[in-house]
């Protein structure tokens, strides 16, 4: 089972905490970049799916129930 949005957020927060505590600037920078990547993954999981190119409006409306 793939990680959830909440799991990515927890990992991002932990990376940020470690970055703040790190005395080495290069390590802190790398951890902050990693935290940003995990937050972006969490954001992507939290958004509704975008219809694929070529999918007709009618198909989208039928799937969501807004075509009546």
PDB file of N, CA and C in Angstrom:
ATOM      1  N   UNK A   1       0.848  -1.176   0.000  1.00  0.00           N
ATOM      2  CA  UNK A   1       0.000   0.000   0.000  1.00  0.00           C
ATOM      3  C   UNK A   1       0.893   1.238   0.000  1.00  0.00           C
ATOM      4  N   UNK A   2       0.628   2.199  -0.900  1.00  0.00           N
ATOM      5  CA  UNK A   2       1.472   3.394  -0.971  1.00  0.00           C
ATOM      6  C   UNK A   2       1.254   4.290   0.253  1.00  0.00           C
ATOM      7  N   UNK A   3       2.246   5.094   0.583  1.00  0.00           N
ATOM      8  CA  UNK A   3       2.106   6.005   1.731  1.00  0.00           C
ATOM      9  C   UNK A   3       0.941   6.977   1.540  1.00  0.00           C
ATOM     10  N   UNK A   4       0.362   7.388   2.634  1.00  0.00           N
ATOM     11  CA  UNK A   4      -0.773   8.311   2.590  1.00  0.00           C
ATOM     12  C   UNK A   4      -0.278   9.757   2.636  1.00  0.00           C
ATOM     13  N   UNK A   5      -1.206  10.658   2.411  1.00  0.00           N
ATOM     14  CA  UNK A   5      -0.907  12.095   2.498  1.00  0.00           C
ATOM     15  C   UNK A   5      -0.366  12.427   3.891  1.00  0.00           C
ATOM     16  N   UNK A   6      -0.999  11.880   4.923  1.00  0.00           N
ATOM     17  CA  UNK A   6      -0.572  12.145   6.301  1.00  0.00           C
ATOM     18  C   UNK A   6       0.838  11.604   6.562  1.00  0.00           C
ATOM     19  N   UNK A   7       1.156  10.442   5.996  1.00  0.00           N
ATOM     20  CA  UNK A   7       2.491   9.870   6.181  1.00  0.00           C
ATOM     21  C   UNK A   7       3.549  10.761   5.541  1.00  0.00           C
ATOM     22  N   UNK A   8       3.255  11.282   4.350  1.00  0.00           N
ATOM     23  CA  UNK A   8       4.198  12.195   3.707  1.00  0.00           C
ATOM     24  C   UNK A   8       4.379  13.476   4.525  1.00  0.00           C
ATOM     25  N   UNK A   9       3.290  13.984   5.090  1.00  0.00           N
ATOM     26  CA  UNK A   9       3.386  15.198   5.911  1.00  0.00           C
ATOM     27  C   UNK A   9       4.223  14.949   7.169  1.00  0.00           C
ATOM     28  N   UNK A  10       4.017  13.797   7.802  1.00  0.00           N
ATOM     29  CA  UNK A  10       4.812  13.468   8.998  1.00  0.00           C
ATOM     30  C   UNK A  10       6.292  13.371   8.651  1.00  0.00           C
ATOM     31  N   UNK A  11       6.598  12.736   7.528  1.00  0.00           N
ATOM     32  CA  UNK A  11       7.988  12.608   7.103  1.00  0.00           C
ATOM     33  C   UNK A  11       8.580  13.977   6.790  1.00  0.00           C
ATOM     34  N   UNK A  12       7.810  14.833   6.144  1.00  0.00           N
ATOM     35  CA  UNK A  12       8.274  16.184   5.839  1.00  0.00           C
ATOM     36  C   UNK A  12       8.561  16.959   7.120  1.00  0.00           C
ATOM     37  N   UNK A  13       7.679  16.847   8.080  1.00  0.00           N
ATOM     38  CA  UNK A  13       7.883  17.548   9.354  1.00  0.00           C
ATOM     39  C   UNK A  13       9.117  17.028  10.079  1.00  0.00           C
ATOM     40  N   UNK A  14       9.314  15.734  10.035  1.00  0.00           N
ATOM     41  CA  UNK A  14      10.500  15.153  10.692  1.00  0.00           C
ATOM     42  C   UNK A  14      11.776  15.620  10.002  1.00  0.00           C
ATOM     43  N   UNK A  15      11.785  15.670   8.685  1.00  0.00           N
ATOM     44  CA  UNK A  15      12.953  16.174   7.950  1.00  0.00           C
ATOM     45  C   UNK A  15      13.236  17.627   8.328  1.00  0.00           C
ATOM     46  N   UNK A  16      12.184  18.435   8.448  1.00  0.00           N
ATOM     47  CA  UNK A  16      12.357  19.839   8.822  1.00  0.00           C
ATOM     48  C   UNK A  16      12.918  19.957  10.240  1.00  0.00           C
ATOM     49  N   UNK A  17      12.422  19.132  11.155  1.00  0.00           N
ATOM     50  CA  UNK A  17      12.944  19.146  12.531  1.00  0.00           C
ATOM     51  C   UNK A  17      14.425  18.786  12.561  1.00  0.00           C
ATOM     52  N   UNK A  18      14.784  17.766  11.810  1.00  0.00           N
ATOM     53  CA  UNK A  18      16.189  17.354  11.748  1.00  0.00           C
ATOM     54  C   UNK A  18      17.055  18.448  11.116  1.00  0.00           C
ATOM     55  N   UNK A  19      16.511  19.123  10.118  1.00  0.00           N
ATOM     56  CA  UNK A  19      17.250  20.209   9.474  1.00  0.00           C
ATOM     57  C   UNK A  19      17.526  21.337  10.452  1.00  0.00           C
ATOM     58  N   UNK A  20      16.540  21.677  11.248  1.00  0.00           N
ATOM     59  CA  UNK A  20      16.703  22.751  12.234  1.00  0.00           C
ATOM     60  C   UNK A  20      17.750  22.370  13.272  1.00  0.00           C
ATOM     61  N   UNK A  21      17.783  21.111  13.642  1.00  0.00           N
ATOM     62  CA  UNK A  21      18.717  20.647  14.666  1.00  0.00           C
ATOM     63  C   UNK A  21      20.123  20.385  14.130  1.00  0.00           C
ATOM     64  N   UNK A  22      20.271  20.335  12.827  1.00  0.00           N
ATOM     65  CA  UNK A  22      21.567  19.977  12.243  1.00  0.00           C
ATOM     66  C   UNK A  22      22.559  21.137  12.313  1.00  0.00           C
ATOM     67  N   UNK A  23      23.768  20.872  12.827  1.00  0.00           N
ATOM     68  CA  UNK A  23      24.776  21.929  12.883  1.00  0.00           C
ATOM     69  C   UNK A  23      25.484  22.143  11.538  1.00  0.00           C
ATOM     70  N   UNK A  24      25.356  21.200  10.630  1.00  0.00           N
ATOM     71  CA  UNK A  24      26.024  21.304   9.327  1.00  0.00           C
ATOM     72  C   UNK A  24      25.071  21.936   8.307  1.00  0.00           C
ATOM     73  N   UNK A  25      25.426  23.100   7.776  1.00  0.00           N
ATOM     74  CA  UNK A  25      24.547  23.772   6.820  1.00  0.00           C
ATOM     75  C   UNK A  25      24.203  22.929   5.589  1.00  0.00           C
ATOM     76  N   UNK A  26      25.157  22.152   5.096  1.00  0.00           N
ATOM     77  CA  UNK A  26      24.872  21.340   3.906  1.00  0.00           C
ATOM     78  C   UNK A  26      23.845  20.255   4.211  1.00  0.00           C
ATOM     79  N   UNK A  27      23.919  19.684   5.391  1.00  0.00           N
ATOM     80  CA  UNK A  27      22.953  18.660   5.796  1.00  0.00           C
ATOM     81  C   UNK A  27      21.586  19.305   6.011  1.00  0.00           C
ATOM     82  N   UNK A  28      21.562  20.446   6.660  1.00  0.00           N
ATOM     83  CA  UNK A  28      20.303  21.152   6.902  1.00  0.00           C
ATOM     84  C   UNK A  28      19.627  21.515   5.577  1.00  0.00           C
ATOM     85  N   UNK A  29      20.404  21.990   4.620  1.00  0.00           N
ATOM     86  CA  UNK A  29      19.858  22.355   3.315  1.00  0.00           C
ATOM     87  C   UNK A  29      19.283  21.137   2.603  1.00  0.00           C
ATOM     88  N   UNK A  30      20.005  20.036   2.636  1.00  0.00           N
ATOM     89  CA  UNK A  30      19.524  18.808   1.993  1.00  0.00           C
ATOM     90  C   UNK A  30      18.247  18.308   2.659  1.00  0.00           C
ATOM     91  N   UNK A  31      18.189  18.369   3.987  1.00  0.00           N
ATOM     92  CA  UNK A  31      16.988  17.915   4.699  1.00  0.00           C
ATOM     93  C   UNK A  31      15.792  18.819   4.410  1.00  0.00           C
ATOM     94  N   UNK A  32      16.023  20.113   4.298  1.00  0.00           N
ATOM     95  CA  UNK A  32      14.922  21.023   3.964  1.00  0.00           C
ATOM     96  C   UNK A  32      14.421  20.758   2.543  1.00  0.00           C
ATOM     97  N   UNK A  33      15.327  20.480   1.620  1.00  0.00           N
ATOM     98  CA  UNK A  33      14.905  20.142   0.255  1.00  0.00           C
ATOM     99  C   UNK A  33      14.081  18.856   0.256  1.00  0.00           C
ATOM    100  N   UNK A  34      14.499  17.893   1.046  1.00  0.00           N
ATOM    101  CA  UNK A  34      13.757  16.641   1.166  1.00  0.00           C
ATOM    102  C   UNK A  34      12.376  16.887   1.771  1.00  0.00           C
ATOM    103  N   UNK A  35      12.315  17.739   2.783  1.00  0.00           N
ATOM    104  CA  UNK A  35      11.031  18.075   3.401  1.00  0.00           C
ATOM    105  C   UNK A  35      10.089  18.711   2.376  1.00  0.00           C
ATOM    106  N   UNK A  36      10.616  19.593   1.547  1.00  0.00           N
ATOM    107  CA  UNK A  36       9.791  20.217   0.512  1.00  0.00           C
ATOM    108  C   UNK A  36       9.274  19.186  -0.485  1.00  0.00           C
ATOM    109  N   UNK A  37      10.114  18.238  -0.837  1.00  0.00           N
ATOM    110  CA  UNK A  37       9.682  17.181  -1.758  1.00  0.00           C
ATOM    111  C   UNK A  37       8.545  16.354  -1.149  1.00  0.00           C
ATOM    112  N   UNK A  38       8.682  16.011   0.130  1.00  0.00           N
ATOM    113  CA  UNK A  38       7.623  15.230   0.788  1.00  0.00           C
ATOM    114  C   UNK A  38       6.334  16.036   0.909  1.00  0.00           C
ATOM    115  N   UNK A  39       6.443  17.336   1.169  1.00  0.00           N
ATOM    116  CA  UNK A  39       5.236  18.169   1.250  1.00  0.00           C
ATOM    117  C   UNK A  39       4.556  18.264  -0.114  1.00  0.00           C
ATOM    118  N   UNK A  40       5.352  18.326  -1.178  1.00  0.00           N
ATOM    119  CA  UNK A  40       4.778  18.357  -2.528  1.00  0.00           C
ATOM    120  C   UNK A  40       4.048  17.045  -2.832  1.00  0.00           C
ATOM    121  N   UNK A  41       4.627  15.929  -2.411  1.00  0.00           N
ATOM    122  CA  UNK A  41       3.958  14.634  -2.599  1.00  0.00           C
ATOM    123  C   UNK A  41       2.645  14.589  -1.823  1.00  0.00           C
ATOM    124  N   UNK A  42       2.658  15.086  -0.595  1.00  0.00           N
ATOM    125  CA  UNK A  42       1.439  15.110   0.220  1.00  0.00           C
ATOM    126  C   UNK A  42       0.383  15.983  -0.440  1.00  0.00           C
ATOM    127  N   UNK A  43       0.809  17.118  -0.982  1.00  0.00           N
ATOM    128  CA  UNK A  43      -0.120  18.018  -1.646  1.00  0.00           C
ATOM    129  C   UNK A  43      -0.737  17.352  -2.869  1.00  0.00           C
ATOM    130  N   UNK A  44       0.086  16.655  -3.638  1.00  0.00           N
ATOM    131  CA  UNK A  44      -0.404  15.976  -4.825  1.00  0.00           C
ATOM    132  C   UNK A  44      -1.421  14.901  -4.468  1.00  0.00           C
ATOM    133  N   UNK A  45      -1.177  14.178  -3.377  1.00  0.00           N
ATOM    134  CA  UNK A  45      -2.128  13.137  -2.961  1.00  0.00           C
ATOM    135  C   UNK A  45      -3.429  13.735  -2.449  1.00  0.00           C
ATOM    136  N   UNK A  46      -3.361  14.938  -1.902  1.00  0.00           N
ATOM    137  CA  UNK A  46      -4.540  15.575  -1.330  1.00  0.00           C
ATOM    138  C   UNK A  46      -5.434  16.251  -2.346  1.00  0.00           C
ATOM    139  N   UNK A  47      -4.979  16.365  -3.579  1.00  0.00           N
ATOM    140  CA  UNK A  47      -5.772  17.030  -4.619  1.00  0.00           C
ATOM    141  C   UNK A  47      -6.597  16.005  -5.388  1.00  0.00           C
ATOM    142  N   UNK A  48      -7.774  16.442  -5.864  1.00  0.00           N
ATOM    143  CA  UNK A  48      -8.571  15.525  -6.688  1.00  0.00           C
ATOM    144  C   UNK A  48      -7.863  15.261  -8.013  1.00  0.00           C
ATOM    145  N   UNK A  49      -8.167  14.126  -8.595  1.00  0.00           N
ATOM    146  CA  UNK A  49      -7.544  13.741  -9.857  1.00  0.00           C
ATOM    147  C   UNK A  49      -7.968  14.691 -10.969  1.00  0.00           C
ATOM    148  N   UNK A  50      -7.048  15.025 -11.837  1.00  0.00           N
ATOM    149  CA  UNK A  50      -7.311  15.886 -12.981  1.00  0.00           C
ATOM    150  C   UNK A  50      -7.649  14.986 -14.166  1.00  0.00           C
ATOM    151  N   UNK A  51      -8.701  15.322 -14.904  1.00  0.00           N
ATOM    152  CA  UNK A  51      -9.061  14.477 -16.045  1.00  0.00           C
ATOM    153  C   UNK A  51      -7.939  14.432 -17.077  1.00  0.00           C
ATOM    154  N   UNK A  52      -7.789  13.290 -17.707  1.00  0.00           N
ATOM    155  CA  UNK A  52      -6.774  13.109 -18.734  1.00  0.00           C
ATOM    156  C   UNK A  52      -7.197  13.830 -20.008  1.00  0.00           C
ATOM    157  N   UNK A  53      -6.221  14.259 -20.786  1.00  0.00           N
ATOM    158  CA  UNK A  53      -6.506  14.923 -22.046  1.00  0.00           C
ATOM    159  C   UNK A  53      -7.291  13.968 -22.945  1.00  0.00           C
ATOM    160  N   UNK A  54      -8.313  14.482 -23.577  1.00  0.00           N
ATOM    161  CA  UNK A  54      -9.121  13.660 -24.461  1.00  0.00           C
ATOM    162  C   UNK A  54     -10.355  13.079 -23.785  1.00  0.00           C
ATOM    163  N   UNK A  55     -10.426  13.173 -22.453  1.00  0.00           N
ATOM    164  CA  UNK A  55     -11.603  12.671 -21.751  1.00  0.00           C
ATOM    165  C   UNK A  55     -12.731  13.676 -21.958  1.00  0.00           C
ATOM    166  N   UNK A  56     -13.878  13.212 -22.368  1.00  0.00           N
ATOM    167  CA  UNK A  56     -14.983  14.098 -22.699  1.00  0.00           C
ATOM    168  C   UNK A  56     -15.661  14.624 -21.441  1.00  0.00           C
ATOM    169  N   UNK A  57     -16.210  15.826 -21.565  1.00  0.00           N
ATOM    170  CA  UNK A  57     -16.910  16.460 -20.453  1.00  0.00           C
ATOM    171  C   UNK A  57     -18.063  15.595 -19.966  1.00  0.00           C
ATOM    172  N   UNK A  58     -18.745  14.930 -20.890  1.00  0.00           N
ATOM    173  CA  UNK A  58     -19.877  14.091 -20.501  1.00  0.00           C
ATOM    174  C   UNK A  58     -19.425  12.947 -19.584  1.00  0.00           C
ATOM    175  N   UNK A  59     -18.266  12.355 -19.891  1.00  0.00           N
ATOM    176  CA  UNK A  59     -17.743  11.270 -19.064  1.00  0.00           C
ATOM    177  C   UNK A  59     -17.437  11.774 -17.664  1.00  0.00           C
ATOM    178  N   UNK A  60     -16.870  12.963 -17.577  1.00  0.00           N
ATOM    179  CA  UNK A  60     -16.532  13.546 -16.282  1.00  0.00           C
ATOM    180  C   UNK A  60     -17.808  13.826 -15.500  1.00  0.00           C
ATOM    181  N   UNK A  61     -18.814  14.390 -16.188  1.00  0.00           N
ATOM    182  CA  UNK A  61     -20.060  14.717 -15.512  1.00  0.00           C
ATOM    183  C   UNK A  61     -20.775  13.466 -15.021  1.00  0.00           C
ATOM    184  N   UNK A  62     -20.761  12.399 -15.828  1.00  0.00           N
ATOM    185  CA  UNK A  62     -21.388  11.158 -15.410  1.00  0.00           C
ATOM    186  C   UNK A  62     -20.697  10.587 -14.183  1.00  0.00           C
ATOM    187  N   UNK A  63     -19.388  10.645 -14.162  1.00  0.00           N
ATOM    188  CA  UNK A  63     -18.617  10.083 -13.054  1.00  0.00           C
ATOM    189  C   UNK A  63     -18.833  10.867 -11.764  1.00  0.00           C
ATOM    190  N   UNK A  64     -19.045  12.186 -11.878  1.00  0.00           N
ATOM    191  CA  UNK A  64     -19.196  13.016 -10.686  1.00  0.00           C
ATOM    192  C   UNK A  64     -20.641  13.268 -10.305  1.00  0.00           C
ATOM    193  N   UNK A  65     -21.594  12.937 -11.209  1.00  0.00           N
ATOM    194  CA  UNK A  65     -22.991  13.127 -10.898  1.00  0.00           C
ATOM    195  C   UNK A  65     -23.503  14.530 -11.151  1.00  0.00           C
ATOM    196  N   UNK A  66     -22.747  15.338 -11.906  1.00  0.00           N
ATOM    197  CA  UNK A  66     -23.163  16.715 -12.155  1.00  0.00           C
ATOM    198  C   UNK A  66     -23.786  16.894 -13.537  1.00  0.00           C
ATOM    199  N   UNK A  67     -24.048  15.828 -14.240  1.00  0.00           N
ATOM    200  CA  UNK A  67     -24.549  15.949 -15.602  1.00  0.00           C
ATOM    201  C   UNK A  67     -26.039  15.832 -15.738  1.00  0.00           C
ATOM    202  N   UNK A  68     -26.797  16.010 -14.641  1.00  0.00           N
ATOM    203  CA  UNK A  68     -28.238  15.811 -14.754  1.00  0.00           C
ATOM    204  C   UNK A  68     -28.993  17.063 -15.048  1.00  0.00           C
TER     205      UNK A  68
END
